[in-house]
Amino acid sequence: MPDKTEALRALELIRESGFFHDADWTMAHEIAQAHEGEPVFDAIHAMLHRLEGDTSNAAYWDRRAGTNFGRHGPEAELKKLEEMVRGI
């Protein structure tokens, strides 16, 4: 079962980063990588790569997660990911 606390922490770090590639982004990325193969974390991983402009890598992680939340900007994507985490 995915770790809800870790997922929420990663999302909090993304919010704290202001959606920019910084130390908080890096910490969120490390959390996502530590849970590779768990759909919620793979979806978070997709968002992180989308934020850094790596759309092909983001698409890879979206395919793994079965998600595609990035079409309406980072705030909307973060909200969708929070909903996904709450559903764990």
N, C-alpha and C. Protein backbone atom coordinates (compact mmCIF):
# COMPACT_ATOMS: atom_id res chain seq x y z
N MET A 1 0.85 -1.19 0.00
CA MET A 1 0.00 0.00 0.00
C MET A 1 0.89 1.24 0.00
N PRO A 2 0.57 2.23 -0.84
CA PRO A 2 1.37 3.46 -0.89
C PRO A 2 1.36 4.20 0.45
N ASP A 3 2.43 4.90 0.70
CA ASP A 3 2.59 5.68 1.92
C ASP A 3 1.97 7.05 1.73
N LYS A 4 0.78 7.24 2.28
CA LYS A 4 0.04 8.50 2.12
C LYS A 4 0.83 9.69 2.68
N THR A 5 1.48 9.49 3.82
CA THR A 5 2.24 10.57 4.44
C THR A 5 3.38 11.03 3.54
N GLU A 6 4.10 10.08 2.96
CA GLU A 6 5.20 10.42 2.05
C GLU A 6 4.68 11.14 0.81
N ALA A 7 3.56 10.68 0.27
CA ALA A 7 2.98 11.32 -0.92
C ALA A 7 2.56 12.75 -0.60
N LEU A 8 1.91 12.94 0.53
CA LEU A 8 1.50 14.30 0.91
C LEU A 8 2.71 15.19 1.15
N ARG A 9 3.77 14.65 1.70
CA ARG A 9 5.00 15.42 1.92
C ARG A 9 5.60 15.85 0.58
N ALA A 10 5.62 14.95 -0.39
CA ALA A 10 6.14 15.30 -1.72
C ALA A 10 5.31 16.42 -2.34
N LEU A 11 3.99 16.34 -2.21
CA LEU A 11 3.13 17.38 -2.77
C LEU A 11 3.33 18.71 -2.05
N GLU A 12 3.53 18.66 -0.74
CA GLU A 12 3.81 19.87 0.03
C GLU A 12 5.12 20.51 -0.44
N LEU A 13 6.12 19.70 -0.69
CA LEU A 13 7.40 20.21 -1.18
C LEU A 13 7.25 20.85 -2.56
N ILE A 14 6.44 20.25 -3.40
CA ILE A 14 6.20 20.83 -4.73
C ILE A 14 5.56 22.20 -4.58
N ARG A 15 4.57 22.29 -3.71
CA ARG A 15 3.91 23.58 -3.47
C ARG A 15 4.93 24.60 -2.92
N GLU A 16 5.74 24.16 -1.96
CA GLU A 16 6.74 25.05 -1.36
C GLU A 16 7.79 25.50 -2.37
N SER A 17 8.02 24.70 -3.39
CA SER A 17 9.01 25.06 -4.41
C SER A 17 8.50 26.19 -5.31
N GLY A 18 7.20 26.49 -5.21
CA GLY A 18 6.63 27.48 -6.12
C GLY A 18 6.60 26.97 -7.55
N PHE A 19 6.65 25.64 -7.70
CA PHE A 19 6.66 24.96 -8.99
C PHE A 19 7.95 25.21 -9.77
N PHE A 20 9.04 25.44 -9.04
CA PHE A 20 10.34 25.63 -9.67
C PHE A 20 11.30 24.55 -9.23
N HIS A 21 12.31 24.32 -10.04
CA HIS A 21 13.35 23.33 -9.76
C HIS A 21 14.30 23.91 -8.72
N ASP A 22 14.12 23.51 -7.46
CA ASP A 22 14.95 23.99 -6.36
C ASP A 22 15.16 22.85 -5.37
N ALA A 23 15.63 23.16 -4.18
CA ALA A 23 15.90 22.11 -3.18
C ALA A 23 14.64 21.35 -2.80
N ASP A 24 13.49 22.04 -2.70
CA ASP A 24 12.23 21.35 -2.38
C ASP A 24 11.84 20.41 -3.51
N TRP A 25 12.02 20.85 -4.76
CA TRP A 25 11.76 20.00 -5.93
C TRP A 25 12.61 18.75 -5.82
N THR A 26 13.88 18.93 -5.50
CA THR A 26 14.81 17.80 -5.42
C THR A 26 14.37 16.81 -4.35
N MET A 27 13.95 17.31 -3.21
CA MET A 27 13.48 16.43 -2.14
C MET A 27 12.23 15.67 -2.56
N ALA A 28 11.30 16.35 -3.23
CA ALA A 28 10.09 15.69 -3.72
C ALA A 28 10.45 14.62 -4.75
N HIS A 29 11.42 14.91 -5.59
CA HIS A 29 11.87 13.95 -6.60
C HIS A 29 12.46 12.71 -5.94
N GLU A 30 13.24 12.91 -4.89
CA GLU A 30 13.82 11.78 -4.16
C GLU A 30 12.74 10.90 -3.55
N ILE A 31 11.68 11.52 -3.02
CA ILE A 31 10.56 10.75 -2.47
C ILE A 31 9.90 9.93 -3.57
N ALA A 32 9.62 10.58 -4.70
CA ALA A 32 8.97 9.88 -5.82
C ALA A 32 9.82 8.71 -6.29
N GLN A 33 11.12 8.94 -6.43
CA GLN A 33 12.01 7.87 -6.88
C GLN A 33 12.06 6.70 -5.90
N ALA A 34 11.98 7.00 -4.61
CA ALA A 34 12.03 5.95 -3.60
C ALA A 34 10.82 5.02 -3.65
N HIS A 35 9.75 5.48 -4.30
CA HIS A 35 8.51 4.71 -4.38
C HIS A 35 8.16 4.36 -5.83
N GLU A 36 9.18 4.27 -6.67
CA GLU A 36 8.97 3.95 -8.08
C GLU A 36 8.12 2.69 -8.22
N GLY A 37 7.17 2.75 -9.14
CA GLY A 37 6.29 1.61 -9.38
C GLY A 37 4.96 1.71 -8.67
N GLU A 38 4.84 2.67 -7.74
CA GLU A 38 3.56 2.92 -7.08
C GLU A 38 2.89 4.06 -7.85
N PRO A 39 1.70 3.82 -8.41
CA PRO A 39 1.09 4.80 -9.31
C PRO A 39 1.03 6.23 -8.80
N VAL A 40 0.69 6.44 -7.54
CA VAL A 40 0.59 7.82 -7.05
C VAL A 40 1.96 8.50 -7.10
N PHE A 41 3.01 7.78 -6.76
CA PHE A 41 4.35 8.37 -6.79
C PHE A 41 4.85 8.53 -8.23
N ASP A 42 4.45 7.62 -9.11
CA ASP A 42 4.82 7.78 -10.51
C ASP A 42 4.12 9.01 -11.10
N ALA A 43 2.88 9.28 -10.67
CA ALA A 43 2.17 10.48 -11.11
C ALA A 43 2.85 11.74 -10.58
N ILE A 44 3.30 11.70 -9.34
CA ILE A 44 4.04 12.83 -8.77
C ILE A 44 5.34 13.02 -9.55
N HIS A 45 5.99 11.92 -9.88
CA HIS A 45 7.23 11.96 -10.65
C HIS A 45 6.97 12.63 -12.01
N ALA A 46 5.84 12.32 -12.63
CA ALA A 46 5.48 12.95 -13.90
C ALA A 46 5.37 14.46 -13.74
N MET A 47 4.69 14.89 -12.69
CA MET A 47 4.54 16.33 -12.48
C MET A 47 5.90 17.00 -12.31
N LEU A 48 6.76 16.39 -11.54
CA LEU A 48 8.08 16.97 -11.30
C LEU A 48 8.84 17.17 -12.60
N HIS A 49 8.79 16.19 -13.48
CA HIS A 49 9.49 16.34 -14.76
C HIS A 49 8.80 17.34 -15.67
N ARG A 50 7.50 17.44 -15.58
CA ARG A 50 6.78 18.46 -16.35
C ARG A 50 7.21 19.85 -15.88
N LEU A 51 7.37 20.01 -14.57
CA LEU A 51 7.77 21.31 -14.02
C LEU A 51 9.17 21.72 -14.48
N GLU A 52 10.04 20.74 -14.70
CA GLU A 52 11.39 21.09 -15.14
C GLU A 52 11.46 21.20 -16.67
N GLY A 53 10.34 20.99 -17.34
CA GLY A 53 10.29 21.12 -18.79
C GLY A 53 10.64 19.87 -19.56
N ASP A 54 10.78 18.75 -18.87
CA ASP A 54 11.12 17.48 -19.51
C ASP A 54 9.83 16.72 -19.82
N THR A 55 9.15 17.15 -20.88
CA THR A 55 7.82 16.61 -21.19
C THR A 55 7.86 15.15 -21.62
N SER A 56 8.92 14.71 -22.29
CA SER A 56 8.96 13.30 -22.69
C SER A 56 9.12 12.40 -21.47
N ASN A 57 9.93 12.81 -20.50
CA ASN A 57 10.07 12.03 -19.28
C ASN A 57 8.78 12.08 -18.47
N ALA A 58 8.12 13.23 -18.44
CA ALA A 58 6.83 13.34 -17.76
C ALA A 58 5.81 12.39 -18.39
N ALA A 59 5.79 12.32 -19.71
CA ALA A 59 4.86 11.43 -20.41
C ALA A 59 5.13 9.97 -20.05
N TYR A 60 6.40 9.61 -19.92
CA TYR A 60 6.77 8.25 -19.52
C TYR A 60 6.17 7.91 -18.15
N TRP A 61 6.35 8.83 -17.19
CA TRP A 61 5.84 8.57 -15.85
C TRP A 61 4.32 8.59 -15.82
N ASP A 62 3.70 9.45 -16.62
CA ASP A 62 2.23 9.43 -16.72
C ASP A 62 1.74 8.09 -17.25
N ARG A 63 2.42 7.55 -18.26
CA ARG A 63 2.02 6.23 -18.79
C ARG A 63 2.13 5.17 -17.71
N ARG A 64 3.21 5.20 -16.94
CA ARG A 64 3.39 4.22 -15.86
C ARG A 64 2.30 4.36 -14.80
N ALA A 65 1.92 5.60 -14.50
CA ALA A 65 0.93 5.86 -13.46
C ALA A 65 -0.51 5.72 -13.96
N GLY A 66 -0.68 5.78 -15.28
CA GLY A 66 -2.04 5.75 -15.84
C GLY A 66 -2.74 7.09 -15.63
N THR A 67 -1.97 8.17 -15.62
CA THR A 67 -2.51 9.51 -15.37
C THR A 67 -2.16 10.45 -16.52
N ASN A 68 -2.82 11.59 -16.51
CA ASN A 68 -2.51 12.67 -17.46
C ASN A 68 -3.13 13.94 -16.89
N PHE A 69 -2.57 14.42 -15.79
CA PHE A 69 -3.15 15.55 -15.07
C PHE A 69 -2.55 16.89 -15.47
N GLY A 70 -1.56 16.91 -16.34
CA GLY A 70 -0.80 18.13 -16.59
C GLY A 70 -1.35 19.07 -17.63
N ARG A 71 -2.53 18.86 -18.10
CA ARG A 71 -3.06 19.67 -19.20
C ARG A 71 -3.54 21.05 -18.78
N HIS A 72 -3.79 21.27 -17.51
CA HIS A 72 -4.40 22.53 -17.07
C HIS A 72 -3.52 23.33 -16.11
N GLY A 73 -2.23 23.08 -16.15
CA GLY A 73 -1.29 23.84 -15.33
C GLY A 73 -0.99 23.19 -14.00
N PRO A 74 0.07 23.67 -13.35
CA PRO A 74 0.55 23.01 -12.14
C PRO A 74 -0.41 23.06 -10.95
N GLU A 75 -1.14 24.14 -10.76
CA GLU A 75 -2.09 24.20 -9.63
C GLU A 75 -3.17 23.14 -9.78
N ALA A 76 -3.72 23.02 -10.99
CA ALA A 76 -4.76 22.01 -11.24
C ALA A 76 -4.18 20.61 -11.11
N GLU A 77 -2.96 20.42 -11.59
CA GLU A 77 -2.34 19.10 -11.48
C GLU A 77 -2.10 18.73 -10.01
N LEU A 78 -1.63 19.68 -9.23
CA LEU A 78 -1.40 19.43 -7.81
C LEU A 78 -2.70 19.06 -7.12
N LYS A 79 -3.78 19.74 -7.46
CA LYS A 79 -5.08 19.43 -6.87
C LYS A 79 -5.51 18.00 -7.23
N LYS A 80 -5.33 17.61 -8.47
CA LYS A 80 -5.69 16.25 -8.89
C LYS A 80 -4.84 15.21 -8.15
N LEU A 81 -3.55 15.52 -7.99
CA LEU A 81 -2.69 14.58 -7.26
C LEU A 81 -3.09 14.48 -5.80
N GLU A 82 -3.49 15.60 -5.19
CA GLU A 82 -3.96 15.55 -3.80
C GLU A 82 -5.21 14.69 -3.70
N GLU A 83 -6.12 14.79 -4.68
CA GLU A 83 -7.31 13.96 -4.69
C GLU A 83 -6.93 12.48 -4.83
N MET A 84 -5.95 12.22 -5.67
CA MET A 84 -5.49 10.84 -5.87
C MET A 84 -4.93 10.28 -4.55
N VAL A 85 -4.14 11.07 -3.86
CA VAL A 85 -3.56 10.64 -2.58
C VAL A 85 -4.66 10.40 -1.54
N ARG A 86 -5.62 11.30 -1.49
CA ARG A 86 -6.71 11.12 -0.51
C ARG A 86 -7.48 9.84 -0.77
N GLY A 87 -7.48 9.38 -2.01
CA GLY A 87 -8.20 8.15 -2.36
C GLY A 87 -7.44 6.87 -2.05
N ILE A 88 -6.22 7.00 -1.54
CA ILE A 88 -5.42 5.80 -1.21
C ILE A 88 -6.06 5.07 -0.03
